[in-house]
Amino acid sequence: ELDIASSICQKATTESQGHDYWIAKSLILYADILTEQGNYTSAQAALEAVIENFQDDPKLLKEAESKLKLVKIKDESSTRLLKSGGDDGELLDLEAPN
């Protein structure tokens, strides 16, 4: 179901040329889908695109900023980076959450 929703969002973004509000809303929805799929990096990129390109709409900007904070929290809690080998921090090990 998320794959279908993702395809619809991408199509809506393409077909909404000239309608900035709907492009931004489609990107925000697409970020929600990516977040549900655990693709936090792409979700962050979509939300950052809204923040960078739709500065004229305070409501959209606030929505994108709020969701970006939540995505970053989910991303940080999904993977922890642990230093190994002392204080030099040269080596990083990835540890999945429990």
N, C-alpha and C. Protein backbone atom coordinates (compact mmCIF):
# COMPACT_ATOMS: atom_id res chain seq x y z
N GLU A 1 0.82 -1.20 0.00
CA GLU A 1 0.00 0.00 0.00
C GLU A 1 0.86 1.26 0.00
N LEU A 2 1.98 1.24 0.75
CA LEU A 2 2.85 2.40 0.77
C LEU A 2 3.50 2.64 -0.59
N ASP A 3 3.79 1.56 -1.32
CA ASP A 3 4.37 1.71 -2.65
C ASP A 3 3.39 2.40 -3.60
N ILE A 4 2.12 2.05 -3.49
CA ILE A 4 1.10 2.68 -4.33
C ILE A 4 0.98 4.16 -3.96
N ALA A 5 0.95 4.44 -2.68
CA ALA A 5 0.85 5.83 -2.22
C ALA A 5 2.07 6.63 -2.68
N SER A 6 3.23 6.02 -2.63
CA SER A 6 4.45 6.68 -3.08
C SER A 6 4.37 7.03 -4.56
N SER A 7 3.90 6.11 -5.37
CA SER A 7 3.75 6.35 -6.81
C SER A 7 2.76 7.48 -7.07
N ILE A 8 1.67 7.49 -6.34
CA ILE A 8 0.66 8.53 -6.50
C ILE A 8 1.24 9.90 -6.13
N CYS A 9 2.02 9.96 -5.06
CA CYS A 9 2.64 11.22 -4.64
C CYS A 9 3.61 11.74 -5.70
N GLN A 10 4.40 10.84 -6.23
CA GLN A 10 5.36 11.25 -7.26
C GLN A 10 4.63 11.77 -8.50
N LYS A 11 3.56 11.09 -8.88
CA LYS A 11 2.77 11.51 -10.04
C LYS A 11 2.10 12.86 -9.76
N ALA A 12 1.57 13.03 -8.56
CA ALA A 12 0.91 14.28 -8.20
C ALA A 12 1.89 15.45 -8.23
N THR A 13 3.11 15.21 -7.78
CA THR A 13 4.13 16.26 -7.81
C THR A 13 4.42 16.69 -9.24
N THR A 14 4.54 15.72 -10.13
CA THR A 14 4.81 16.01 -11.54
C THR A 14 3.64 16.74 -12.19
N GLU A 15 2.44 16.32 -11.89
CA GLU A 15 1.26 16.90 -12.52
C GLU A 15 0.82 18.23 -11.90
N SER A 16 1.44 18.59 -10.79
CA SER A 16 1.04 19.83 -10.10
C SER A 16 1.93 21.02 -10.45
N GLN A 17 2.67 20.92 -11.54
CA GLN A 17 3.54 22.02 -11.95
C GLN A 17 2.74 23.32 -12.01
N GLY A 18 3.28 24.35 -11.39
CA GLY A 18 2.60 25.63 -11.36
C GLY A 18 1.69 25.81 -10.15
N HIS A 19 1.50 24.76 -9.38
CA HIS A 19 0.68 24.81 -8.18
C HIS A 19 1.57 24.47 -6.99
N ASP A 20 2.32 25.48 -6.56
CA ASP A 20 3.34 25.27 -5.54
C ASP A 20 2.82 24.63 -4.26
N TYR A 21 1.65 25.04 -3.83
CA TYR A 21 1.08 24.50 -2.59
C TYR A 21 0.95 22.98 -2.69
N TRP A 22 0.42 22.49 -3.81
CA TRP A 22 0.18 21.05 -3.96
C TRP A 22 1.48 20.28 -4.17
N ILE A 23 2.46 20.91 -4.78
CA ILE A 23 3.77 20.28 -4.89
C ILE A 23 4.35 20.08 -3.50
N ALA A 24 4.30 21.13 -2.68
CA ALA A 24 4.83 21.04 -1.32
C ALA A 24 4.07 20.00 -0.50
N LYS A 25 2.75 20.00 -0.59
CA LYS A 25 1.96 19.02 0.17
C LYS A 25 2.28 17.59 -0.28
N SER A 26 2.49 17.40 -1.57
CA SER A 26 2.86 16.07 -2.08
C SER A 26 4.22 15.65 -1.54
N LEU A 27 5.16 16.58 -1.48
CA LEU A 27 6.48 16.25 -0.93
C LEU A 27 6.40 15.91 0.55
N ILE A 28 5.56 16.63 1.28
CA ILE A 28 5.40 16.34 2.71
C ILE A 28 4.77 14.96 2.90
N LEU A 29 3.76 14.66 2.11
CA LEU A 29 3.14 13.33 2.18
C LEU A 29 4.14 12.25 1.79
N TYR A 30 4.93 12.51 0.76
CA TYR A 30 5.95 11.56 0.33
C TYR A 30 6.97 11.33 1.46
N ALA A 31 7.32 12.38 2.18
CA ALA A 31 8.23 12.24 3.32
C ALA A 31 7.60 11.36 4.41
N ASP A 32 6.30 11.51 4.62
CA ASP A 32 5.59 10.64 5.59
C ASP A 32 5.69 9.18 5.17
N ILE A 33 5.51 8.92 3.89
CA ILE A 33 5.59 7.55 3.37
C ILE A 33 7.00 7.00 3.54
N LEU A 34 7.99 7.80 3.18
CA LEU A 34 9.39 7.37 3.33
C LEU A 34 9.73 7.09 4.79
N THR A 35 9.20 7.91 5.68
CA THR A 35 9.44 7.70 7.11
C THR A 35 8.84 6.37 7.56
N GLU A 36 7.63 6.08 7.11
CA GLU A 36 6.99 4.80 7.45
C GLU A 36 7.79 3.62 6.92
N GLN A 37 8.45 3.82 5.79
CA GLN A 37 9.26 2.76 5.20
C GLN A 37 10.65 2.68 5.84
N GLY A 38 10.96 3.60 6.73
CA GLY A 38 12.27 3.61 7.39
C GLY A 38 13.36 4.27 6.57
N ASN A 39 12.99 4.97 5.52
CA ASN A 39 13.95 5.64 4.66
C ASN A 39 14.08 7.10 5.13
N TYR A 40 14.75 7.26 6.26
CA TYR A 40 14.81 8.56 6.92
C TYR A 40 15.64 9.58 6.14
N THR A 41 16.70 9.14 5.48
CA THR A 41 17.54 10.06 4.72
C THR A 41 16.74 10.72 3.59
N SER A 42 15.99 9.93 2.86
CA SER A 42 15.19 10.49 1.76
C SER A 42 14.04 11.33 2.30
N ALA A 43 13.46 10.94 3.42
CA ALA A 43 12.40 11.73 4.03
C ALA A 43 12.93 13.10 4.44
N GLN A 44 14.12 13.11 5.03
CA GLN A 44 14.74 14.39 5.41
C GLN A 44 14.99 15.25 4.18
N ALA A 45 15.47 14.65 3.11
CA ALA A 45 15.75 15.40 1.88
C ALA A 45 14.47 16.02 1.31
N ALA A 46 13.37 15.28 1.33
CA ALA A 46 12.10 15.79 0.81
C ALA A 46 11.62 16.98 1.65
N LEU A 47 11.73 16.84 2.96
CA LEU A 47 11.28 17.91 3.85
C LEU A 47 12.20 19.13 3.75
N GLU A 48 13.49 18.90 3.62
CA GLU A 48 14.42 20.01 3.45
C GLU A 48 14.15 20.75 2.13
N ALA A 49 13.74 20.02 1.10
CA ALA A 49 13.39 20.66 -0.17
C ALA A 49 12.19 21.58 0.01
N VAL A 50 11.21 21.15 0.79
CA VAL A 50 10.05 22.00 1.06
C VAL A 50 10.50 23.25 1.82
N ILE A 51 11.33 23.05 2.84
CA ILE A 51 11.79 24.18 3.66
C ILE A 51 12.58 25.18 2.82
N GLU A 52 13.41 24.70 1.93
CA GLU A 52 14.25 25.57 1.10
C GLU A 52 13.47 26.28 0.00
N ASN A 53 12.46 25.60 -0.55
CA ASN A 53 11.81 26.11 -1.75
C ASN A 53 10.44 26.74 -1.57
N PHE A 54 9.88 26.62 -0.38
CA PHE A 54 8.52 27.13 -0.16
C PHE A 54 8.48 28.06 1.05
N GLN A 55 9.41 28.99 1.09
CA GLN A 55 9.54 29.94 2.20
C GLN A 55 8.35 30.90 2.30
N ASP A 56 7.61 31.06 1.22
CA ASP A 56 6.52 32.05 1.20
C ASP A 56 5.25 31.59 1.92
N ASP A 57 5.19 30.32 2.29
CA ASP A 57 3.98 29.80 2.95
C ASP A 57 4.34 29.36 4.37
N PRO A 58 4.04 30.20 5.36
CA PRO A 58 4.42 29.89 6.75
C PRO A 58 3.83 28.58 7.28
N LYS A 59 2.60 28.25 6.87
CA LYS A 59 1.99 27.01 7.34
C LYS A 59 2.72 25.78 6.81
N LEU A 60 3.04 25.79 5.51
CA LEU A 60 3.79 24.68 4.93
C LEU A 60 5.18 24.58 5.54
N LEU A 61 5.79 25.72 5.74
CA LEU A 61 7.12 25.75 6.33
C LEU A 61 7.11 25.16 7.74
N LYS A 62 6.14 25.56 8.53
CA LYS A 62 6.02 25.06 9.90
C LYS A 62 5.76 23.55 9.91
N GLU A 63 4.89 23.08 9.02
CA GLU A 63 4.59 21.65 8.93
C GLU A 63 5.84 20.85 8.56
N ALA A 64 6.56 21.33 7.56
CA ALA A 64 7.77 20.63 7.11
C ALA A 64 8.84 20.64 8.20
N GLU A 65 9.02 21.75 8.88
CA GLU A 65 10.02 21.84 9.95
C GLU A 65 9.67 20.90 11.10
N SER A 66 8.39 20.85 11.46
CA SER A 66 7.94 19.97 12.54
C SER A 66 8.18 18.51 12.19
N LYS A 67 7.82 18.12 10.97
CA LYS A 67 8.01 16.74 10.55
C LYS A 67 9.49 16.39 10.43
N LEU A 68 10.30 17.36 10.00
CA LEU A 68 11.74 17.12 9.88
C LEU A 68 12.34 16.80 11.25
N LYS A 69 11.92 17.52 12.28
CA LYS A 69 12.41 17.24 13.64
C LYS A 69 12.06 15.81 14.05
N LEU A 70 10.85 15.38 13.76
CA LEU A 70 10.42 14.03 14.13
C LEU A 70 11.20 12.96 13.35
N VAL A 71 11.45 13.21 12.07
CA VAL A 71 12.21 12.26 11.26
C VAL A 71 13.62 12.13 11.80
N LYS A 72 14.22 13.25 12.16
CA LYS A 72 15.59 13.22 12.70
C LYS A 72 15.63 12.43 14.01
N ILE A 73 14.63 12.59 14.84
CA ILE A 73 14.57 11.84 16.10
C ILE A 73 14.44 10.35 15.82
N LYS A 74 13.57 9.98 14.89
CA LYS A 74 13.42 8.56 14.53
C LYS A 74 14.70 8.00 13.95
N ASP A 75 15.37 8.79 13.12
CA ASP A 75 16.62 8.35 12.51
C ASP A 75 17.69 8.12 13.57
N GLU A 76 17.80 9.05 14.50
CA GLU A 76 18.81 8.92 15.56
C GLU A 76 18.53 7.73 16.46
N SER A 77 17.26 7.46 16.72
CA SER A 77 16.94 6.35 17.61
C SER A 77 17.03 5.00 16.91
N SER A 78 17.02 5.01 15.57
CA SER A 78 17.07 3.73 14.85
C SER A 78 18.49 3.18 14.74
N THR A 79 19.48 4.04 14.80
CA THR A 79 20.87 3.60 14.69
C THR A 79 21.71 4.41 15.64
N ARG A 80 22.52 3.72 16.40
CA ARG A 80 23.44 4.40 17.30
C ARG A 80 24.85 4.17 16.80
N LEU A 81 25.62 5.24 16.78
CA LEU A 81 27.03 5.12 16.40
C LEU A 81 27.85 5.04 17.67
N LEU A 82 28.66 4.03 17.76
CA LEU A 82 29.50 3.84 18.93
C LEU A 82 30.96 4.01 18.54
N LYS A 83 31.69 4.79 19.30
CA LYS A 83 33.11 4.91 19.06
C LYS A 83 33.81 3.67 19.58
N SER A 84 34.80 3.22 18.84
CA SER A 84 35.62 2.13 19.33
C SER A 84 37.07 2.50 19.08
N GLY A 85 37.95 1.95 19.86
CA GLY A 85 39.36 2.22 19.69
C GLY A 85 39.85 3.45 20.41
N GLY A 86 39.16 3.88 21.44
CA GLY A 86 39.64 5.00 22.24
C GLY A 86 38.99 6.31 21.88
N ASP A 87 39.61 7.39 22.31
CA ASP A 87 39.05 8.72 22.15
C ASP A 87 39.29 9.33 20.77
N ASP A 88 40.14 8.71 19.95
CA ASP A 88 40.43 9.33 18.66
C ASP A 88 39.25 9.28 17.71
N GLY A 89 38.29 8.39 17.93
CA GLY A 89 37.07 8.33 17.15
C GLY A 89 37.27 7.93 15.70
N GLU A 90 38.39 7.30 15.39
CA GLU A 90 38.65 6.92 14.01
C GLU A 90 37.73 5.81 13.53
N LEU A 91 37.35 4.89 14.38
CA LEU A 91 36.52 3.77 13.99
C LEU A 91 35.11 3.94 14.54
N LEU A 92 34.15 3.63 13.73
CA LEU A 92 32.75 3.67 14.17
C LEU A 92 32.12 2.33 13.90
N ASP A 93 31.39 1.82 14.86
CA ASP A 93 30.63 0.58 14.71
C ASP A 93 29.16 0.93 14.73
N LEU A 94 28.38 0.30 13.87
CA LEU A 94 26.94 0.50 13.88
C LEU A 94 26.29 -0.56 14.74
N GLU A 95 25.40 -0.14 15.58
CA GLU A 95 24.67 -1.08 16.43
C GLU A 95 23.19 -0.83 16.25
N ALA A 96 22.48 -1.89 15.91
CA ALA A 96 21.03 -1.79 15.74
C ALA A 96 20.38 -1.64 17.10
N PRO A 97 19.23 -0.94 17.16
CA PRO A 97 18.53 -0.80 18.44
C PRO A 97 18.01 -2.14 18.93
N ASN A 98 17.83 -2.24 20.22
CA ASN A 98 17.30 -3.48 20.83
C ASN A 98 15.82 -3.59 20.65
